C-alpha atoms as a PDB file:
ATOM      1  CA  MET A   1     -64.236 -68.507  39.518  1.00  0.00           C
ATOM      2  CA  THR A   2     -67.875 -68.488  38.489  1.00  0.00           C
ATOM      3  CA  SER A   3     -69.998 -65.450  39.176  1.00  0.00           C
ATOM      4  CA  PRO A   4     -73.274 -66.041  41.058  1.00  0.00           C
ATOM      5  CA  HIS A   5     -74.796 -63.321  38.876  1.00  0.00           C
ATOM      6  CA  PRO A   6     -75.131 -64.360  35.204  1.00  0.00           C
ATOM      7  CA  GLN A   7     -74.486 -62.000  32.330  1.00  0.00           C
ATOM      8  CA  PRO A   8     -77.527 -60.517  30.598  1.00  0.00           C
ATOM      9  CA  ALA A   9     -79.071 -63.024  28.197  1.00  0.00           C
ATOM     10  CA  SER A  10     -79.553 -60.564  25.373  1.00  0.00           C
ATOM     11  CA  ALA A  11     -77.430 -57.673  24.191  1.00  0.00           C
ATOM     12  CA  SER A  12     -80.628 -55.843  23.267  1.00  0.00           C
ATOM     13  CA  GLY A  13     -82.345 -56.265  26.641  1.00  0.00           C
ATOM     14  CA  PRO A  14     -83.303 -53.211  28.689  1.00  0.00           C
ATOM     15  CA  LEU A  15     -80.899 -51.791  31.226  1.00  0.00           C
ATOM     16  CA  PRO A  16     -82.056 -51.542  34.840  1.00  0.00           C
ATOM     17  CA  SER A  17     -83.868 -48.367  35.734  1.00  0.00           C
ATOM     18  CA  ALA A  18     -82.357 -46.141  38.393  1.00  0.00           C
ATOM     19  CA  ASP A  19     -85.962 -45.408  39.435  1.00  0.00           C
ATOM     20  CA  LEU A  20     -86.455 -49.001  40.586  1.00  0.00           C
ATOM     21  CA  PRO A  21     -85.526 -49.430  44.283  1.00  0.00           C
ATOM     22  CA  SER A  22     -82.151 -51.156  44.406  1.00  0.00           C
ATOM     23  CA  ALA A  23     -83.354 -53.738  46.927  1.00  0.00           C
ATOM     24  CA  ASP A  24     -86.001 -54.838  44.364  1.00  0.00           C
ATOM     25  CA  LEU A  25     -83.629 -55.228  41.419  1.00  0.00           C
ATOM     26  CA  PRO A  26     -83.086 -58.768  40.113  1.00  0.00           C
ATOM     27  CA  SER A  27     -79.621 -60.013  41.086  1.00  0.00           C
ATOM     28  CA  ALA A  28     -78.677 -60.534  37.415  1.00  0.00           C
ATOM     29  CA  VAL A  29     -78.514 -56.774  36.801  1.00  0.00           C
ATOM     30  CA  LEU A  30     -76.409 -56.021  39.870  1.00  0.00           C
ATOM     31  CA  PRO A  31     -72.657 -56.611  40.071  1.00  0.00           C
ATOM     32  CA  SER A  32     -71.484 -59.516  42.195  1.00  0.00           C
ATOM     33  CA  ALA A  33     -69.565 -57.032  44.341  1.00  0.00           C
ATOM     34  CA  VAL A  34     -68.516 -53.405  44.435  1.00  0.00           C
ATOM     35  CA  LEU A  35     -64.893 -52.733  45.353  1.00  0.00           C
ATOM     36  CA  TRP A  36     -63.986 -49.350  46.799  1.00  0.00           C
ATOM     37  CA  ASP A  37     -60.821 -47.334  47.046  1.00  0.00           C
ATOM     38  CA  MET A  38     -60.721 -45.334  50.286  1.00  0.00           C
ATOM     39  CA  ASP A  39     -58.628 -42.133  50.289  1.00  0.00           C
ATOM     40  CA  GLY A  40     -60.207 -39.647  47.910  1.00  0.00           C
ATOM     41  CA  THR A  41     -63.069 -42.001  46.999  1.00  0.00           C
ATOM     42  CA  ILE A  42     -64.907 -42.634  50.287  1.00  0.00           C
ATOM     43  CA  VAL A  43     -63.147 -40.103  52.507  1.00  0.00           C
ATOM     44  CA  ASP A  44     -61.421 -36.908  51.430  1.00  0.00           C
ATOM     45  CA  THR A  45     -58.198 -37.523  53.346  1.00  0.00           C
ATOM     46  CA  GLU A  46     -55.851 -36.728  50.460  1.00  0.00           C
ATOM     47  CA  PRO A  47     -55.451 -33.098  51.688  1.00  0.00           C
ATOM     48  CA  TYR A  48     -54.363 -34.513  55.075  1.00  0.00           C
ATOM     49  CA  TRP A  49     -51.661 -36.651  53.463  1.00  0.00           C
ATOM     50  CA  ILE A  50     -50.472 -33.654  51.444  1.00  0.00           C
ATOM     51  CA  ALA A  51     -50.450 -31.492  54.587  1.00  0.00           C
ATOM     52  CA  ALA A  52     -48.339 -34.093  56.417  1.00  0.00           C
ATOM     53  CA  GLU A  53     -45.711 -34.452  53.699  1.00  0.00           C
ATOM     54  CA  ALA A  54     -44.322 -30.910  53.370  1.00  0.00           C
ATOM     55  CA  PRO A  55     -43.446 -30.464  57.078  1.00  0.00           C
ATOM     56  CA  LEU A  56     -41.731 -33.862  57.108  1.00  0.00           C
ATOM     57  CA  VAL A  57     -39.513 -32.940  54.151  1.00  0.00           C
ATOM     58  CA  GLU A  58     -38.818 -29.493  55.616  1.00  0.00           C
ATOM     59  CA  GLU A  59     -37.803 -31.026  58.956  1.00  0.00           C
ATOM     60  CA  HIS A  60     -35.004 -32.737  57.056  1.00  0.00           C
ATOM     61  CA  GLY A  61     -33.896 -29.587  55.242  1.00  0.00           C
ATOM     62  CA  GLY A  62     -35.673 -30.175  51.957  1.00  0.00           C
ATOM     63  CA  SER A  63     -38.510 -28.468  50.106  1.00  0.00           C
ATOM     64  CA  TRP A  64     -41.801 -29.964  48.972  1.00  0.00           C
ATOM     65  CA  THR A  65     -44.280 -28.300  46.635  1.00  0.00           C
ATOM     66  CA  HIS A  66     -47.929 -29.037  45.986  1.00  0.00           C
ATOM     67  CA  GLN A  67     -46.901 -30.403  42.596  1.00  0.00           C
ATOM     68  CA  ASP A  68     -44.487 -32.779  44.325  1.00  0.00           C
ATOM     69  CA  ALA A  69     -47.323 -33.958  46.547  1.00  0.00           C
ATOM     70  CA  LEU A  70     -49.614 -34.687  43.615  1.00  0.00           C
ATOM     71  CA  GLN A  71     -47.228 -37.345  42.294  1.00  0.00           C
ATOM     72  CA  LEU A  72     -47.893 -39.406  45.446  1.00  0.00           C
ATOM     73  CA  VAL A  73     -51.684 -39.489  45.045  1.00  0.00           C
ATOM     74  CA  GLY A  74     -52.721 -43.105  44.537  1.00  0.00           C
ATOM     75  CA  LEU A  75     -49.232 -44.526  45.090  1.00  0.00           C
ATOM     76  CA  SER A  76     -48.455 -47.216  47.638  1.00  0.00           C
ATOM     77  CA  LEU A  77     -47.041 -45.969  50.923  1.00  0.00           C
ATOM     78  CA  ASP A  78     -43.770 -47.794  50.230  1.00  0.00           C
ATOM     79  CA  ALA A  79     -43.340 -46.042  46.882  1.00  0.00           C
ATOM     80  CA  SER A  80     -44.317 -42.688  48.413  1.00  0.00           C
ATOM     81  CA  ALA A  81     -41.789 -43.149  51.220  1.00  0.00           C
ATOM     82  CA  ARG A  82     -38.995 -43.802  48.734  1.00  0.00           C
ATOM     83  CA  ILE A  83     -39.853 -40.609  46.855  1.00  0.00           C
ATOM     84  CA  LEU A  84     -39.750 -38.711  50.152  1.00  0.00           C
ATOM     85  CA  GLN A  85     -36.339 -40.230  50.859  1.00  0.00           C
ATOM     86  CA  ASP A  86     -35.191 -38.903  47.476  1.00  0.00           C
ATOM     87  CA  ALA A  87     -36.461 -35.487  48.597  1.00  0.00           C
ATOM     88  CA  GLY A  88     -34.110 -35.647  51.596  1.00  0.00           C
ATOM     89  CA  VAL A  89     -36.082 -37.335  54.386  1.00  0.00           C
ATOM     90  CA  ARG A  90     -33.462 -39.272  56.383  1.00  0.00           C
ATOM     91  CA  LEU A  91     -35.739 -41.976  57.759  1.00  0.00           C
ATOM     92  CA  THR A  92     -36.357 -45.568  56.781  1.00  0.00           C
ATOM     93  CA  VAL A  93     -39.365 -46.434  54.651  1.00  0.00           C
ATOM     94  CA  ASP A  94     -41.157 -47.887  57.682  1.00  0.00           C
ATOM     95  CA  GLU A  95     -40.374 -44.792  59.773  1.00  0.00           C
ATOM     96  CA  ILE A  96     -41.734 -42.479  57.068  1.00  0.00           C
ATOM     97  CA  ILE A  97     -44.922 -44.526  56.749  1.00  0.00           C
ATOM     98  CA  ALA A  98     -45.422 -44.590  60.525  1.00  0.00           C
ATOM     99  CA  THR A  99     -44.796 -40.845  60.847  1.00  0.00           C
ATOM    100  CA  LEU A 100     -47.124 -39.837  58.021  1.00  0.00           C
ATOM    101  CA  SER A 101     -49.864 -42.248  59.113  1.00  0.00           C
ATOM    102  CA  ALA A 102     -49.748 -40.970  62.695  1.00  0.00           C
ATOM    103  CA  ARG A 103     -49.998 -37.368  61.541  1.00  0.00           C
ATOM    104  CA  VAL A 104     -52.913 -38.105  59.223  1.00  0.00           C
ATOM    105  CA  VAL A 105     -54.737 -40.028  61.968  1.00  0.00           C
ATOM    106  CA  ALA A 106     -54.185 -37.063  64.302  1.00  0.00           C
ATOM    107  CA  MET A 107     -55.635 -34.673  61.700  1.00  0.00           C
ATOM    108  CA  CYS A 108     -58.633 -36.962  61.243  1.00  0.00           C
ATOM    109  CA  ALA A 109     -59.221 -36.919  65.008  1.00  0.00           C
ATOM    110  CA  GLU A 110     -58.783 -33.161  65.263  1.00  0.00           C
ATOM    111  CA  ARG A 111     -60.613 -32.000  62.150  1.00  0.00           C
ATOM    112  CA  GLY A 112     -62.954 -34.897  61.463  1.00  0.00           C
ATOM    113  CA  VAL A 113     -63.128 -37.111  58.401  1.00  0.00           C
ATOM    114  CA  PRO A 114     -64.931 -35.547  55.434  1.00  0.00           C
ATOM    115  CA  PHE A 115     -66.812 -38.183  53.451  1.00  0.00           C
ATOM    116  CA  ARG A 116     -66.987 -37.762  49.707  1.00  0.00           C
ATOM    117  CA  PRO A 117     -70.394 -36.732  48.306  1.00  0.00           C
ATOM    118  CA  GLY A 118     -72.733 -39.693  47.871  1.00  0.00           C
ATOM    119  CA  ALA A 119     -70.274 -42.327  49.144  1.00  0.00           C
ATOM    120  CA  LEU A 120     -72.091 -43.261  52.363  1.00  0.00           C
ATOM    121  CA  GLU A 121     -75.461 -43.211  50.617  1.00  0.00           C
ATOM    122  CA  MET A 122     -74.153 -45.544  47.908  1.00  0.00           C
ATOM    123  CA  LEU A 123     -72.712 -47.908  50.522  1.00  0.00           C
ATOM    124  CA  HIS A 124     -76.058 -47.961  52.334  1.00  0.00           C
ATOM    125  CA  ASP A 125     -77.901 -48.735  49.095  1.00  0.00           C
ATOM    126  CA  LEU A 126     -75.517 -51.540  48.147  1.00  0.00           C
ATOM    127  CA  ARG A 127     -75.931 -53.156  51.549  1.00  0.00           C
ATOM    128  CA  ALA A 128     -79.719 -52.867  51.291  1.00  0.00           C
ATOM    129  CA  ALA A 129     -79.552 -54.529  47.871  1.00  0.00           C
ATOM    130  CA  GLY A 130     -77.449 -57.393  49.227  1.00  0.00           C
ATOM    131  CA  VAL A 131     -74.410 -56.579  47.076  1.00  0.00           C
ATOM    132  CA  LYS A 132     -71.060 -57.634  48.518  1.00  0.00           C
ATOM    133  CA  THR A 133     -68.585 -54.829  49.150  1.00  0.00           C
ATOM    134  CA  GLY A 134     -64.834 -54.698  49.586  1.00  0.00           C
ATOM    135  CA  LEU A 135     -62.430 -51.944  50.601  1.00  0.00           C
ATOM    136  CA  VAL A 136     -59.242 -51.916  48.513  1.00  0.00           C
ATOM    137  CA  THR A 137     -56.818 -49.291  49.780  1.00  0.00           C
ATOM    138  CA  MET A 138     -53.097 -48.619  49.831  1.00  0.00           C
ATOM    139  CA  SER A 139     -53.388 -47.213  53.364  1.00  0.00           C
ATOM    140  CA  TYR A 140     -52.149 -49.680  55.941  1.00  0.00           C
ATOM    141  CA  ARG A 141     -54.690 -51.908  57.676  1.00  0.00           C
ATOM    142  CA  HIS A 142     -54.667 -50.161  61.049  1.00  0.00           C
ATOM    143  CA  MET A 143     -55.504 -46.850  59.398  1.00  0.00           C
ATOM    144  CA  ALA A 144     -58.061 -48.340  57.022  1.00  0.00           C
ATOM    145  CA  LEU A 145     -59.888 -49.963  59.933  1.00  0.00           C
ATOM    146  CA  SER A 146     -59.855 -46.691  61.886  1.00  0.00           C
ATOM    147  CA  ILE A 147     -61.677 -45.033  58.980  1.00  0.00           C
ATOM    148  CA  VAL A 148     -64.072 -47.970  58.561  1.00  0.00           C
ATOM    149  CA  GLU A 149     -65.066 -47.638  62.227  1.00  0.00           C
ATOM    150  CA  LEU A 150     -66.206 -44.060  61.567  1.00  0.00           C
ATOM    151  CA  ILE A 151     -68.718 -45.129  58.920  1.00  0.00           C
ATOM    152  CA  GLY A 152     -71.246 -46.190  61.539  1.00  0.00           C
ATOM    153  CA  PHE A 153     -72.537 -49.391  59.935  1.00  0.00           C
ATOM    154  CA  GLN A 154     -71.104 -52.658  58.589  1.00  0.00           C
ATOM    155  CA  ALA A 155     -70.020 -51.258  55.249  1.00  0.00           C
ATOM    156  CA  PHE A 156     -67.562 -53.903  53.994  1.00  0.00           C
ATOM    157  CA  ASP A 157     -67.355 -57.667  53.761  1.00  0.00           C
ATOM    158  CA  VAL A 158     -63.584 -57.608  53.279  1.00  0.00           C
ATOM    159  CA  VAL A 159     -60.708 -55.138  53.589  1.00  0.00           C
ATOM    160  CA  ILE A 160     -57.555 -55.423  51.467  1.00  0.00           C
ATOM    161  CA  ALA A 161     -55.050 -52.851  52.729  1.00  0.00           C
ATOM    162  CA  GLY A 162     -51.627 -51.754  51.567  1.00  0.00           C
ATOM    163  CA  ASP A 163     -49.844 -54.161  53.887  1.00  0.00           C
ATOM    164  CA  ASP A 164     -52.044 -57.042  52.645  1.00  0.00           C
ATOM    165  CA  ALA A 165     -51.429 -56.588  48.921  1.00  0.00           C
ATOM    166  CA  ARG A 166     -49.078 -58.982  47.140  1.00  0.00           C
ATOM    167  CA  ARG A 167     -48.178 -56.076  44.846  1.00  0.00           C
ATOM    168  CA  PRO A 168     -49.515 -52.522  45.255  1.00  0.00           C
ATOM    169  CA  LYS A 169     -51.608 -50.461  42.876  1.00  0.00           C
ATOM    170  CA  PRO A 170     -51.230 -49.882  39.911  1.00  0.00           C
ATOM    171  CA  HIS A 171     -50.741 -53.665  39.793  1.00  0.00           C
ATOM    172  CA  PRO A 172     -54.056 -55.563  39.680  1.00  0.00           C
ATOM    173  CA  ASP A 173     -53.265 -57.700  42.742  1.00  0.00           C
ATOM    174  CA  PRO A 174     -55.243 -55.775  45.412  1.00  0.00           C
ATOM    175  CA  TYR A 175     -58.480 -55.990  43.412  1.00  0.00           C
ATOM    176  CA  LEU A 176     -57.890 -59.615  42.488  1.00  0.00           C
ATOM    177  CA  GLN A 177     -57.261 -60.428  46.161  1.00  0.00           C
ATOM    178  CA  ALA A 178     -60.516 -58.717  47.151  1.00  0.00           C
ATOM    179  CA  ALA A 179     -62.522 -60.642  44.547  1.00  0.00           C
ATOM    180  CA  GLU A 180     -60.911 -63.891  45.666  1.00  0.00           C
ATOM    181  CA  ALA A 181     -61.699 -63.160  49.326  1.00  0.00           C
ATOM    182  CA  LEU A 182     -65.327 -62.393  48.408  1.00  0.00           C
ATOM    183  CA  GLY A 183     -65.644 -65.490  46.234  1.00  0.00           C
ATOM    184  CA  VAL A 184     -66.689 -63.576  43.116  1.00  0.00           C
ATOM    185  CA  ASP A 185     -65.484 -63.296  39.524  1.00  0.00           C
ATOM    186  CA  ILE A 186     -63.536 -60.041  39.185  1.00  0.00           C
ATOM    187  CA  ALA A 187     -65.184 -59.490  35.779  1.00  0.00           C
ATOM    188  CA  HIS A 188     -68.534 -59.137  37.537  1.00  0.00           C
ATOM    189  CA  THR A 189     -67.432 -56.511  39.997  1.00  0.00           C
ATOM    190  CA  VAL A 190     -67.416 -52.728  39.772  1.00  0.00           C
ATOM    191  CA  ALA A 191     -64.361 -50.944  41.176  1.00  0.00           C
ATOM    192  CA  ILE A 192     -64.616 -47.275  42.166  1.00  0.00           C
ATOM    193  CA  GLU A 193     -61.445 -45.176  42.084  1.00  0.00           C
ATOM    194  CA  ASP A 194     -60.424 -41.510  42.236  1.00  0.00           C
ATOM    195  CA  SER A 195     -56.752 -41.649  41.176  1.00  0.00           C
ATOM    196  CA  PRO A 196     -54.958 -42.592  37.951  1.00  0.00           C
ATOM    197  CA  ASN A 197     -52.880 -45.323  39.624  1.00  0.00           C
ATOM    198  CA  GLY A 198     -55.901 -46.777  41.379  1.00  0.00           C
ATOM    199  CA  LEU A 199     -57.872 -46.745  38.147  1.00  0.00           C
ATOM    200  CA  ARG A 200     -55.045 -48.503  36.322  1.00  0.00           C
ATOM    201  CA  SER A 201     -55.112 -51.198  39.007  1.00  0.00           C
ATOM    202  CA  ALA A 202     -58.861 -51.666  38.657  1.00  0.00           C
ATOM    203  CA  ILE A 203     -58.703 -51.829  34.847  1.00  0.00           C
ATOM    204  CA  ALA A 204     -55.807 -54.292  34.877  1.00  0.00           C
ATOM    205  CA  SER A 205     -57.686 -56.564  37.274  1.00  0.00           C
ATOM    206  CA  GLY A 206     -60.598 -57.008  34.860  1.00  0.00           C
ATOM    207  CA  ALA A 207     -63.165 -55.212  37.006  1.00  0.00           C
ATOM    208  CA  VAL A 208     -65.619 -52.740  35.508  1.00  0.00           C
ATOM    209  CA  ALA A 209     -63.681 -49.596  36.403  1.00  0.00           C
ATOM    210  CA  LEU A 210     -65.568 -46.464  37.458  1.00  0.00           C
ATOM    211  CA  GLY A 211     -63.586 -43.263  37.904  1.00  0.00           C
ATOM    212  CA  VAL A 212     -64.850 -40.511  40.205  1.00  0.00           C
ATOM    213  CA  PRO A 213     -62.107 -37.856  40.046  1.00  0.00           C
ATOM    214  CA  ASN A 214     -61.116 -35.872  43.092  1.00  0.00           C
ATOM    215  CA  ILE A 215     -57.715 -34.152  43.062  1.00  0.00           C
ATOM    216  CA  LEU A 216     -56.386 -35.481  39.757  1.00  0.00           C
ATOM    217  CA  PRO A 217     -58.158 -35.753  36.376  1.00  0.00           C
ATOM    218  CA  LEU A 218     -58.885 -39.265  35.112  1.00  0.00           C
ATOM    219  CA  ASP A 219     -59.338 -38.570  31.409  1.00  0.00           C
ATOM    220  CA  GLY A 220     -57.427 -40.865  29.083  1.00  0.00           C
ATOM    221  CA  ILE A 221     -56.741 -43.584  31.676  1.00  0.00           C
ATOM    222  CA  GLY A 222     -59.270 -45.981  30.167  1.00  0.00           C
ATOM    223  CA  ALA A 223     -62.066 -46.058  32.745  1.00  0.00           C
ATOM    224  CA  HIS A 224     -65.223 -47.806  31.621  1.00  0.00           C
ATOM    225  CA  ALA A 225     -67.127 -44.787  32.962  1.00  0.00           C
ATOM    226  CA  LEU A 226     -66.342 -41.442  34.573  1.00  0.00           C
ATOM    227  CA  TRP A 227     -68.848 -39.866  36.948  1.00  0.00           C
ATOM    228  CA  PRO A 228     -68.199 -36.397  38.359  1.00  0.00           C
ATOM    229  CA  THR A 229     -69.639 -37.475  41.711  1.00  0.00           C
ATOM    230  CA  LEU A 230     -71.465 -40.323  43.452  1.00  0.00           C
ATOM    231  CA  GLU A 231     -74.037 -37.884  44.789  1.00  0.00           C
ATOM    232  CA  GLY A 232     -77.536 -38.935  43.728  1.00  0.00           C
ATOM    233  CA  ARG A 233     -76.291 -42.275  42.400  1.00  0.00           C
ATOM    234  CA  THR A 234     -77.608 -45.661  43.560  1.00  0.00           C
ATOM    235  CA  ALA A 235     -76.852 -49.364  43.326  1.00  0.00           C
ATOM    236  CA  ALA A 236     -79.194 -49.379  40.322  1.00  0.00           C
ATOM    237  CA  ASP A 237     -76.839 -47.014  38.510  1.00  0.00           C
ATOM    238  CA  LEU A 238     -73.916 -49.350  39.191  1.00  0.00           C
ATOM    239  CA  GLY A 239     -76.094 -52.206  37.958  1.00  0.00           C
ATOM    240  CA  ALA A 240     -76.752 -50.313  34.728  1.00  0.00           C
ATOM    241  CA  LEU A 241     -73.023 -49.696  34.299  1.00  0.00           C
ATOM    242  CA  HIS A 242     -72.266 -53.377  34.949  1.00  0.00           C
ATOM    243  CA  VAL A 243     -74.862 -54.581  32.410  1.00  0.00           C
ATOM    244  CA  ALA A 244     -73.891 -51.975  29.801  1.00  0.00           C
ATOM    245  CA  HIS A 245     -70.227 -52.971  29.995  1.00  0.00           C
ATOM    246  CA  HIS A 246     -70.924 -56.675  29.577  1.00  0.00           C
ATOM    247  CA  THR A 247     -73.478 -56.036  26.831  1.00  0.00           C
ATOM    248  CA  THR A 248     -70.908 -53.998  24.907  1.00  0.00           C
ATOM    249  CA  ALA A 249     -68.240 -56.630  25.511  1.00  0.00           C
ATOM    250  CA  ALA A 250     -70.581 -59.380  24.263  1.00  0.00           C
ATOM    251  CA  VAL A 251     -71.382 -57.411  21.090  1.00  0.00           C
ATOM    252  CA  HIS A 252     -67.657 -57.022  20.401  1.00  0.00           C
ATOM    253  CA  GLY A 253     -66.966 -60.668  21.171  1.00  0.00           C
ATOM    254  CA  ASP A 254     -64.683 -60.109  24.148  1.00  0.00           C
ATOM    255  CA  ALA A 255     -67.012 -60.798  27.061  1.00  0.00           C
ATOM    256  CA  ARG A 256     -65.530 -62.928  29.800  1.00  0.00           C
END
């Protein structure tokens, strides 16, 4: 696939300024699309998943620690369900997924959905700049769409959910499927992730991978950049990251 946004012509050219309004940036300095993880990246629902897991295991006579729960962060629901079966939950994979999803949805309805700092503002800025956006999540489609509806504006051009993916994260398939659906070259996208498995998926796909850690540290995974938060960041910052990555790749002779 050919990107509609060309790579920078010169490795020594200036990077875009974050002070320039994103809507006024030339398209060449912006990524073709920005691909977003959901849980832990846009919304802070990971504590809800963790809160749903322990009671489920205990209902089946097992025990479940916070450390046990951390191993499921960023995993597909299928893989998580199998680990819960190993912990003693006597339900099928589909039954575990349905039970956990229903409990998390109920917690979202009861307690509200906390958005991660800067996520909604970044989505607004990307839309204003005309950058395509995709949601790439291992949550199932019905749950992903229920969260998308809470955003309050048309935030995404495409949604690739856990039940859409040919292979789940950490495989690259979900990100490659999103790029294909958007009609863009994956190499000219930025993927934003909060978990090690999600970041591995983004890196393997060929996207410019941005880690914004939440529950788990992301050091040593291989992200092209790590930001402590999206708060105060704009589409121009993602443009600068996109250009810097491809400039560095061109200098080292491995640009796509």
